[in-house]
Amino acid sequence: MKYRKMGSLPWEVSALGFGCMRLPTTPILHRVDERQSISIIRKGIDLGINYVDTAWMYHMGNSEKVLGKALQDGYRQKVKLVTKLPMIFMKKEEDFDRFLNQQLERLQSDYLDMYLFHMLNETNFEKMKQMNLISKMEKARDAGKIKHIGFSFHDTLPVFKKIIDFYPWEMAQIQYNYLDTNIQATTEGLQYAHKKGIAVVIMEPLKGGQLANPPKEAIDVINKSDVKRSPVDWALQFLWNRPEIATVLSGMGSMKMVEENCMSADKSGIGSLTSHELNIIDQLTDISKKKIIVPCTACQYCMPCPAGVNISQNFALLNNKSFSNEGKLMSRLIQSLFLRNYTKLSKSKSDAVKNNNGRATLCVKCNKCIPKCPQQINIPSELEKVVAVFEKRQKVEMFRVNS
C-alpha cells in the first residue's frame, strides 16, 4: 500500500480508503451481509488500508453498526475512523449530542478520528451556522470524543469556497473523478482547499460505478492502449496522479474489489501518468460524457421513496442502456436484458413500498427526494425519461444531453 500526506495533519494515510456506503447485501430484502462485510473490511485493513469512512445514513444506519463490529479484535487501533453528522436530520442544536453519542455506540468506539458535517450545501451550511454547530464540534473535540473536524460537500464552487474560508477545517470530502472535474467543487476547488493545507478526500471516484463499466467506444480505446489497465484502474490512477488528493474512498462490496483496488493503490503515485496516459483519460472522458443521461451515483440518499420507486436502479438501467451499443446481435441481447431487468421492477404500489423495488411509473411527483439528492437531480423529471425509454420504447439517444 502507498501512503500519502493527510493535508496539514501528522498522518500518513493510505492512498485507498474504505468507504462503507456500498457494503455487500443479502439477496432478500437487500440488508447488509454482516459476515461478508466484516471479512472484506478486515481484508482491506490487512492489505494496508488505514482510513475507513461511514455515515449515519449509509445502509439506513446499519453501516456504522457493521463497521463497529468489523473494528473489534484490534482492528480499531489500525485505522482512522470517520463518520458524519446527518445534517438533513438536524432540527435543533441539542440533536448534535444525540447523534454523536449514538454513532459512537454503534461504532463501539470512544472517539472518532474525524467527524464531518455531512453533505454541506448552501442550505445545510446556513443551518450549521444558525445552530452554532461548530461550537458543538469543538466541545466534542475538547471532550476527546472527536479528534478532527471536516465536512463532505455537494454544491457549487462558489459555495465550496465560502465554506472553506469560514473555518480552519482539517479535511474536506468532495466528489471528483475524470467526468466530474468541472462540477461541484471542481478542480479549482480541489486546488483551493489543498493550498490552505486542508486534506482533500475523494468520494465517487467511479461515479457510482459508471466508470467501471464505460461504453464500448471507451473499452476500445482502453484495449488499443499500450498501457494495460482495467477501466477501474484508469479512473483511480487519474486521481492518485494529483498531488492535492490525500486519499480516495472506494465503496467496495466484494473481496475481489478490495484485492484489485489495493493492487491499483500499490502502483499509484503523484505525477506518475505520462502525457500519453493522460490523453487516454481525456478520450475516455469525452466518450462517456456523450453517453450519460442521469448523473446519479446510486448513493441512496433519496431512499426510501414514499411510492416505493427504486430510484437508483431505474436510473442505472437507463444509463446502462445508453452506454451500450445497439445493432449487433450481442448488443441487442444486452439491450433486451436491460428491458427484462426493468420489467422485474414492481408495478404494484403495495409491493414496491414494502420492498423498495418499484418502477419509474409509480412516481407520484411528491418531490420529497429532490432536496435529499447530492447531485441536485430533479428526480421525478428524470424518471419520466425512464418511462419514455422502457415503457413507451422511445430511443434512448434523444435524451443524451451531450449528444
Protein backbone atom coordinates (compact mmCIF):
# COMPACT_ATOMS: atom_id res chain seq x y z
CA MET A 1 0.00 0.00 0.00
CA LYS A 2 1.20 3.50 -0.82
CA TYR A 3 0.70 6.26 1.76
CA ARG A 4 0.22 9.99 1.30
CA LYS A 5 0.22 13.20 3.34
CA MET A 6 -3.09 13.97 5.03
CA GLY A 7 -3.11 17.71 4.41
CA SER A 8 -1.57 19.52 7.37
CA LEU A 9 -2.30 16.65 9.76
CA PRO A 10 0.56 14.48 11.03
CA TRP A 11 -0.91 11.42 9.30
CA GLU A 12 0.34 9.11 6.63
CA VAL A 13 -2.93 8.00 5.07
CA SER A 14 -3.36 5.04 2.72
CA ALA A 15 -3.88 6.07 -0.92
CA LEU A 16 -7.03 3.93 -0.86
CA GLY A 17 -9.67 4.48 1.78
CA PHE A 18 -12.54 2.10 2.57
CA GLY A 19 -15.94 3.71 2.02
CA CYS A 20 -18.76 1.83 3.76
CA MET A 21 -21.67 3.12 1.67
CA ARG A 22 -21.83 0.09 -0.64
CA LEU A 23 -21.26 -2.91 1.59
CA PRO A 24 -22.45 -6.29 0.25
CA THR A 25 -26.13 -7.02 0.87
CA THR A 26 -28.24 -10.15 1.13
CA PRO A 27 -30.30 -11.23 -1.92
CA ILE A 28 -33.51 -10.97 0.08
CA LEU A 29 -34.52 -7.52 1.38
CA HIS A 30 -31.03 -6.22 0.48
CA ARG A 31 -29.85 -5.96 4.07
CA VAL A 32 -26.16 -5.65 4.84
CA ASP A 33 -24.49 -9.05 4.69
CA GLU A 34 -22.77 -8.72 8.05
CA ARG A 35 -20.38 -11.65 7.84
CA GLN A 36 -19.18 -10.83 4.32
CA SER A 37 -18.89 -7.12 5.12
CA ILE A 38 -16.74 -7.74 8.17
CA SER A 39 -14.49 -10.04 6.15
CA ILE A 40 -13.88 -7.56 3.33
CA ILE A 41 -13.35 -4.60 5.68
CA ARG A 42 -10.76 -6.55 7.63
CA LYS A 43 -9.15 -7.77 4.40
CA GLY A 44 -8.74 -4.18 3.28
CA ILE A 45 -7.13 -3.24 6.58
CA ASP A 46 -4.86 -6.28 6.41
CA LEU A 47 -3.74 -5.08 2.96
CA GLY A 48 -2.78 -1.68 4.35
CA ILE A 49 -5.92 0.49 4.29
CA ASN A 50 -5.84 2.72 7.37
CA TYR A 51 -8.78 5.05 6.64
CA VAL A 52 -12.42 3.92 6.93
CA ASP A 53 -15.41 6.14 6.25
CA THR A 54 -19.08 5.69 7.02
CA ALA A 55 -22.16 7.80 7.85
CA TRP A 56 -25.41 7.72 9.78
CA MET A 57 -27.41 7.38 6.56
CA TYR A 58 -25.46 4.55 4.91
CA HIS A 59 -27.48 1.34 4.70
CA MET A 60 -30.12 3.07 6.82
CA GLY A 61 -27.91 3.04 9.90
CA ASN A 62 -26.53 -0.47 9.54
CA SER A 63 -23.21 0.58 8.00
CA GLU A 64 -21.99 2.10 11.27
CA LYS A 65 -23.13 -0.94 13.25
CA VAL A 66 -21.39 -3.44 10.97
CA LEU A 67 -18.23 -1.32 10.81
CA GLY A 68 -18.18 -1.19 14.60
CA LYS A 69 -18.19 -4.99 14.69
CA ALA A 70 -15.51 -5.21 11.99
CA LEU A 71 -13.19 -2.98 14.03
CA GLN A 72 -13.16 -5.28 17.05
CA ASP A 73 -10.29 -7.70 17.76
CA GLY A 74 -7.64 -5.00 17.47
CA TYR A 75 -8.70 -3.53 14.11
CA ARG A 76 -9.84 -0.21 15.59
CA GLN A 77 -6.26 0.65 16.53
CA LYS A 78 -5.10 0.13 12.94
CA VAL A 79 -7.31 2.78 11.29
CA LYS A 80 -8.51 6.35 11.29
CA LEU A 81 -12.27 6.15 11.85
CA VAL A 82 -14.55 8.70 10.20
CA THR A 83 -18.31 9.24 10.24
CA LYS A 84 -20.65 12.16 9.66
CA LEU A 85 -23.26 14.29 11.39
CA PRO A 86 -26.51 13.83 9.40
CA MET A 87 -27.30 17.47 8.64
CA ILE A 88 -30.60 16.75 6.89
CA PHE A 89 -31.97 15.29 10.14
CA MET A 90 -30.73 18.09 12.39
CA LYS A 91 -33.69 20.01 13.85
CA LYS A 92 -32.12 21.72 16.85
CA GLU A 93 -28.69 22.23 18.40
CA GLU A 94 -29.30 19.54 21.02
CA ASP A 95 -29.59 16.89 18.31
CA PHE A 96 -25.81 17.04 17.88
CA ASP A 97 -25.01 15.16 21.09
CA ARG A 98 -27.75 12.61 20.49
CA PHE A 99 -26.42 11.72 17.05
CA LEU A 100 -22.74 11.69 18.05
CA ASN A 101 -23.29 9.57 21.15
CA GLN A 102 -25.40 7.06 19.26
CA GLN A 103 -22.82 6.87 16.46
CA LEU A 104 -20.02 6.20 18.93
CA GLU A 105 -22.16 3.45 20.44
CA ARG A 106 -22.86 1.92 17.02
CA LEU A 107 -19.18 2.07 16.12
CA GLN A 108 -18.16 0.66 19.52
CA SER A 109 -15.53 3.36 19.87
CA ASP A 110 -14.79 6.02 22.47
CA TYR A 111 -13.76 8.56 19.85
CA LEU A 112 -13.72 9.41 16.13
CA ASP A 113 -10.54 10.41 14.35
CA MET A 114 -12.59 12.74 12.15
CA TYR A 115 -16.20 13.92 12.39
CA LEU A 116 -17.74 15.54 9.33
CA PHE A 117 -20.71 17.75 8.67
CA HIS A 118 -22.46 15.53 6.15
CA MET A 119 -23.50 16.86 2.74
CA LEU A 120 -22.85 20.56 3.23
CA ASN A 121 -24.54 22.71 0.63
CA GLU A 122 -25.83 26.26 0.84
CA THR A 123 -28.87 25.22 2.91
CA ASN A 124 -27.05 22.92 5.33
CA PHE A 125 -24.21 25.41 5.69
CA GLU A 126 -26.68 28.06 6.87
CA LYS A 127 -28.27 25.52 9.21
CA MET A 128 -24.83 24.71 10.61
CA LYS A 129 -24.22 28.38 11.38
CA GLN A 130 -27.68 29.05 12.81
CA MET A 131 -27.42 26.08 15.18
CA ASN A 132 -23.90 27.05 16.26
CA LEU A 133 -22.70 23.55 15.39
CA ILE A 134 -19.05 24.49 15.01
CA SER A 135 -19.08 25.22 18.74
CA LYS A 136 -20.65 21.80 19.36
CA MET A 137 -17.92 20.16 17.29
CA GLU A 138 -15.21 21.97 19.22
CA LYS A 139 -16.71 21.00 22.58
CA ALA A 140 -16.84 17.36 21.46
CA ARG A 141 -13.20 17.66 20.41
CA ASP A 142 -12.22 19.16 23.76
CA ALA A 143 -14.04 16.27 25.48
CA GLY A 144 -11.99 13.76 23.45
CA LYS A 145 -14.94 12.36 21.51
CA ILE A 146 -13.55 13.54 18.17
CA LYS A 147 -10.02 14.37 17.08
CA HIS A 148 -10.53 16.48 13.96
CA ILE A 149 -13.29 18.42 12.16
CA GLY A 150 -14.23 18.38 8.48
CA PHE A 151 -17.14 18.30 6.05
CA SER A 152 -18.40 16.49 2.98
CA PHE A 153 -19.62 18.67 0.15
CA HIS A 154 -22.29 18.72 -2.56
CA ASP A 155 -22.92 22.10 -4.18
CA THR A 156 -21.15 24.59 -6.47
CA LEU A 157 -17.64 26.06 -6.48
CA PRO A 158 -18.65 29.47 -5.02
CA VAL A 159 -20.38 27.72 -2.10
CA PHE A 160 -17.36 25.46 -1.61
CA LYS A 161 -15.00 28.43 -1.36
CA LYS A 162 -17.36 30.17 1.05
CA ILE A 163 -17.36 27.11 3.32
CA ILE A 164 -13.59 26.64 3.05
CA ASP A 165 -12.99 30.25 4.08
CA PHE A 166 -15.42 30.08 7.00
CA TYR A 167 -13.37 27.89 9.35
CA PRO A 168 -9.89 26.31 9.67
CA TRP A 169 -11.09 22.91 8.51
CA GLU A 170 -8.78 19.92 8.68
CA MET A 171 -10.48 17.91 5.95
CA ALA A 172 -12.90 18.33 3.04
CA GLN A 173 -14.52 15.41 1.25
CA ILE A 174 -15.57 16.08 -2.33
CA GLN A 175 -16.97 14.23 -5.32
CA TYR A 176 -14.30 14.07 -8.00
CA ASN A 177 -13.47 11.79 -10.92
CA TYR A 178 -12.45 12.24 -14.54
CA LEU A 179 -16.04 13.04 -15.54
CA ASP A 180 -16.69 15.48 -12.68
CA THR A 181 -13.74 17.87 -12.85
CA ASN A 182 -15.99 20.82 -13.71
CA ILE A 183 -18.97 20.24 -11.42
CA GLN A 184 -19.49 20.61 -7.66
CA ALA A 185 -16.16 21.56 -6.03
CA THR A 186 -14.34 21.25 -9.41
CA THR A 187 -10.57 21.06 -9.94
CA GLU A 188 -10.28 24.70 -8.91
CA GLY A 189 -11.89 23.93 -5.57
CA LEU A 190 -9.65 20.90 -5.07
CA GLN A 191 -6.60 23.10 -5.55
CA TYR A 192 -8.06 25.90 -3.42
CA ALA A 193 -8.53 23.61 -0.40
CA HIS A 194 -5.14 21.99 -0.86
CA LYS A 195 -3.33 25.35 -0.87
CA LYS A 196 -4.87 26.07 2.53
CA GLY A 197 -3.42 22.85 3.93
CA ILE A 198 -6.79 21.09 4.07
CA ALA A 199 -6.70 17.35 3.45
CA VAL A 200 -8.95 16.55 0.46
CA VAL A 201 -10.63 13.14 0.44
CA ILE A 202 -12.28 11.92 -2.74
CA MET A 203 -15.67 10.20 -2.93
CA GLU A 204 -17.40 8.80 -6.02
CA PRO A 205 -14.13 8.05 -7.85
CA LEU A 206 -16.06 5.79 -10.24
CA LYS A 207 -19.18 7.97 -10.39
CA GLY A 208 -21.38 5.34 -8.78
CA GLY A 209 -19.84 2.54 -10.82
CA GLN A 210 -20.37 4.16 -14.21
CA LEU A 211 -16.64 4.48 -14.88
CA ALA A 212 -16.18 0.80 -14.05
CA ASN A 213 -18.45 -0.09 -16.97
CA PRO A 214 -17.76 2.50 -19.67
CA PRO A 215 -19.25 2.48 -23.20
CA LYS A 216 -17.91 0.13 -25.85
CA GLU A 217 -16.09 3.00 -27.56
CA ALA A 218 -14.19 3.64 -24.31
CA ILE A 219 -13.35 -0.04 -23.95
CA ASP A 220 -11.95 0.03 -27.48
CA VAL A 221 -9.67 2.93 -26.51
CA ILE A 222 -8.51 1.05 -23.42
CA ASN A 223 -7.84 -2.15 -25.36
CA LYS A 224 -5.80 -0.34 -28.02
CA SER A 225 -3.58 1.35 -25.45
CA ASP A 226 -0.06 0.01 -24.87
CA VAL A 227 -0.68 0.55 -21.15
CA LYS A 228 -2.84 -2.30 -19.89
CA ARG A 229 -5.27 -1.29 -17.17
CA SER A 230 -8.87 -2.07 -16.27
CA PRO A 231 -11.42 0.78 -16.52
CA VAL A 232 -11.39 0.99 -12.72
CA ASP A 233 -7.61 1.23 -12.60
CA TRP A 234 -7.62 4.04 -15.18
CA ALA A 235 -10.13 6.01 -13.11
CA LEU A 236 -8.23 5.52 -9.85
CA GLN A 237 -4.81 6.31 -11.29
CA PHE A 238 -6.21 9.58 -12.67
CA LEU A 239 -6.96 10.61 -9.09
CA TRP A 240 -3.78 9.35 -7.46
CA ASN A 241 -1.78 11.25 -10.07
CA ARG A 242 -2.87 14.53 -8.46
CA PRO A 243 -0.79 15.94 -5.56
CA GLU A 244 -3.80 17.65 -3.96
CA ILE A 245 -5.57 14.38 -3.14
CA ALA A 246 -4.95 12.74 0.24
CA THR A 247 -6.94 9.52 -0.15
CA VAL A 248 -9.55 8.06 -2.49
CA LEU A 249 -12.58 6.35 -0.99
CA SER A 250 -13.88 3.26 -2.71
CA GLY A 251 -17.19 1.64 -1.79
CA MET A 252 -16.05 -1.96 -2.12
CA GLY A 253 -18.70 -4.66 -1.99
CA SER A 254 -16.65 -7.81 -2.58
CA MET A 255 -13.31 -9.39 -1.74
CA LYS A 256 -12.33 -9.14 -5.41
CA MET A 257 -12.88 -5.38 -5.41
CA VAL A 258 -10.77 -4.97 -2.28
CA GLU A 259 -7.89 -7.01 -3.68
CA GLU A 260 -7.95 -5.36 -7.11
CA ASN A 261 -8.21 -1.82 -5.74
CA CYS A 262 -5.40 -2.43 -3.25
CA MET A 263 -3.25 -3.70 -6.12
CA SER A 264 -4.03 -0.50 -8.02
CA ALA A 265 -3.09 1.59 -4.99
CA ASP A 266 0.22 -0.26 -4.78
CA LYS A 267 1.05 1.07 -8.26
CA SER A 268 -0.12 4.64 -7.64
CA GLY A 269 1.98 7.77 -7.47
CA ILE A 270 1.78 11.55 -7.71
CA GLY A 271 2.68 12.73 -11.19
CA SER A 272 3.22 9.17 -12.40
CA LEU A 273 0.99 9.34 -15.51
CA THR A 274 2.62 10.16 -18.83
CA SER A 275 1.17 12.57 -21.37
CA HIS A 276 0.07 9.54 -23.41
CA GLU A 277 -1.82 8.10 -20.42
CA LEU A 278 -3.47 11.46 -19.69
CA ASN A 279 -4.54 11.60 -23.33
CA ILE A 280 -6.20 8.19 -22.93
CA ILE A 281 -8.15 9.53 -19.96
CA ASP A 282 -9.19 12.59 -21.99
CA GLN A 283 -10.57 10.26 -24.65
CA LEU A 284 -12.46 8.20 -22.05
CA THR A 285 -13.91 11.40 -20.63
CA ASP A 286 -15.15 12.68 -23.98
CA ILE A 287 -16.77 9.34 -24.84
CA SER A 288 -18.55 8.88 -21.50
CA LYS A 289 -19.83 12.46 -21.34
CA LYS A 290 -21.73 11.91 -24.57
CA LYS A 291 -23.46 8.81 -23.21
CA ILE A 292 -24.54 9.66 -19.69
CA ILE A 293 -28.17 10.72 -19.20
CA VAL A 294 -28.73 10.99 -15.45
CA PRO A 295 -25.74 11.88 -13.19
CA CYS A 296 -26.96 9.55 -10.44
CA THR A 297 -24.21 7.94 -8.33
CA ALA A 298 -26.51 5.47 -6.53
CA CYS A 299 -25.73 7.00 -3.15
CA GLN A 300 -29.27 6.07 -1.96
CA TYR A 301 -29.76 9.33 -0.05
CA CYS A 302 -33.14 9.67 -1.79
CA MET A 303 -34.33 6.32 -0.45
CA PRO A 304 -36.72 5.03 0.68
CA CYS A 305 -39.17 6.54 -1.80
CA PRO A 306 -42.68 7.02 -0.33
CA ALA A 307 -44.12 5.49 -3.52
CA GLY A 308 -41.68 2.60 -3.47
CA VAL A 309 -39.70 3.57 -6.58
CA ASN A 310 -36.21 2.09 -6.69
CA ILE A 311 -34.79 5.37 -7.93
CA SER A 312 -31.14 4.47 -8.40
CA GLN A 313 -31.93 1.16 -10.12
CA ASN A 314 -34.23 2.89 -12.61
CA PHE A 315 -31.52 5.43 -13.41
CA ALA A 316 -28.84 2.72 -13.62
CA LEU A 317 -30.87 0.82 -16.20
CA LEU A 318 -31.37 3.98 -18.25
CA ASN A 319 -27.67 4.90 -18.16
CA ASN A 320 -26.59 1.33 -18.89
CA LYS A 321 -28.87 1.22 -21.90
CA SER A 322 -27.36 4.47 -23.11
CA PHE A 323 -23.82 3.22 -22.54
CA SER A 324 -24.32 0.03 -24.53
CA ASN A 325 -24.49 -0.11 -28.32
CA GLU A 326 -27.43 -1.17 -30.44
CA GLY A 327 -27.36 -3.03 -33.74
CA LYS A 328 -25.15 -6.09 -33.37
CA LEU A 329 -26.65 -9.33 -32.11
CA MET A 330 -24.82 -9.29 -28.77
CA SER A 331 -25.72 -5.65 -28.23
CA ARG A 332 -29.38 -6.38 -28.95
CA LEU A 333 -29.29 -9.20 -26.41
CA ILE A 334 -27.80 -6.84 -23.82
CA GLN A 335 -30.46 -4.24 -24.63
CA SER A 336 -33.20 -6.83 -24.13
CA LEU A 337 -31.63 -7.73 -20.78
CA PHE A 338 -31.99 -4.12 -19.60
CA LEU A 339 -35.67 -4.18 -20.56
CA ARG A 340 -36.10 -7.50 -18.81
CA ASN A 341 -34.48 -6.14 -15.64
CA TYR A 342 -36.79 -3.14 -15.81
CA THR A 343 -39.88 -5.36 -16.05
CA LYS A 344 -38.67 -7.21 -12.95
CA LEU A 345 -39.20 -3.99 -11.00
CA SER A 346 -42.62 -3.97 -9.38
CA LYS A 347 -45.57 -2.11 -10.87
CA SER A 348 -47.64 -2.77 -7.77
CA LYS A 349 -47.51 0.12 -5.31
CA SER A 350 -48.06 -2.04 -2.21
CA ASP A 351 -45.28 -4.44 -3.17
CA ALA A 352 -43.00 -1.59 -4.21
CA VAL A 353 -43.44 0.32 -0.95
CA LYS A 354 -42.77 -2.86 1.03
CA ASN A 355 -39.62 -3.86 -0.88
CA ASN A 356 -38.39 -0.55 -2.40
CA ASN A 357 -38.36 -2.21 -5.82
CA GLY A 358 -40.80 -0.11 -7.86
CA ARG A 359 -40.73 1.04 -11.48
CA ALA A 360 -40.46 4.66 -12.54
CA THR A 361 -44.19 4.65 -13.42
CA LEU A 362 -45.04 4.62 -9.71
CA CYS A 363 -43.54 8.07 -9.13
CA VAL A 364 -46.26 10.42 -7.82
CA LYS A 365 -44.07 13.54 -8.05
CA CYS A 366 -44.24 14.24 -4.31
CA ASN A 367 -40.76 15.80 -4.75
CA LYS A 368 -39.58 14.63 -1.32
CA CYS A 369 -36.49 13.12 -2.95
CA ILE A 370 -35.26 16.34 -4.59
CA PRO A 371 -33.75 18.12 -1.55
CA LYS A 372 -32.06 14.87 -0.48
CA CYS A 373 -30.12 14.43 -3.74
CA PRO A 374 -26.44 15.50 -3.52
CA GLN A 375 -26.31 15.74 -7.33
CA GLN A 376 -29.27 18.17 -7.33
CA ILE A 377 -31.13 15.95 -9.79
CA ASN A 378 -34.79 16.68 -10.48
CA ILE A 379 -35.59 13.04 -9.83
CA PRO A 380 -39.28 12.99 -10.84
CA SER A 381 -38.44 14.69 -14.14
CA GLU A 382 -35.61 12.25 -14.86
CA LEU A 383 -37.83 9.28 -14.01
CA GLU A 384 -40.07 10.40 -16.86
CA LYS A 385 -37.17 9.61 -19.20
CA VAL A 386 -37.03 6.10 -17.79
CA VAL A 387 -40.73 5.70 -18.52
CA ALA A 388 -40.27 7.08 -22.03
CA VAL A 389 -37.48 4.62 -22.85
CA PHE A 390 -38.69 1.45 -21.14
CA GLU A 391 -42.47 1.86 -21.25
CA LYS A 392 -43.03 3.91 -24.39
CA ARG A 393 -39.97 2.46 -26.20
CA GLN A 394 -38.57 5.81 -27.26
CA LYS A 395 -34.96 5.94 -28.46
CA VAL A 396 -32.52 6.48 -25.63
CA GLU A 397 -30.33 8.71 -27.82
CA MET A 398 -32.86 11.55 -27.76
CA PHE A 399 -32.27 12.03 -24.04
CA ARG A 400 -28.48 12.37 -24.17
CA VAL A 401 -27.70 15.91 -23.09
CA ASN A 402 -24.23 15.86 -24.61
CA SER A 403 -25.15 14.28 -27.96
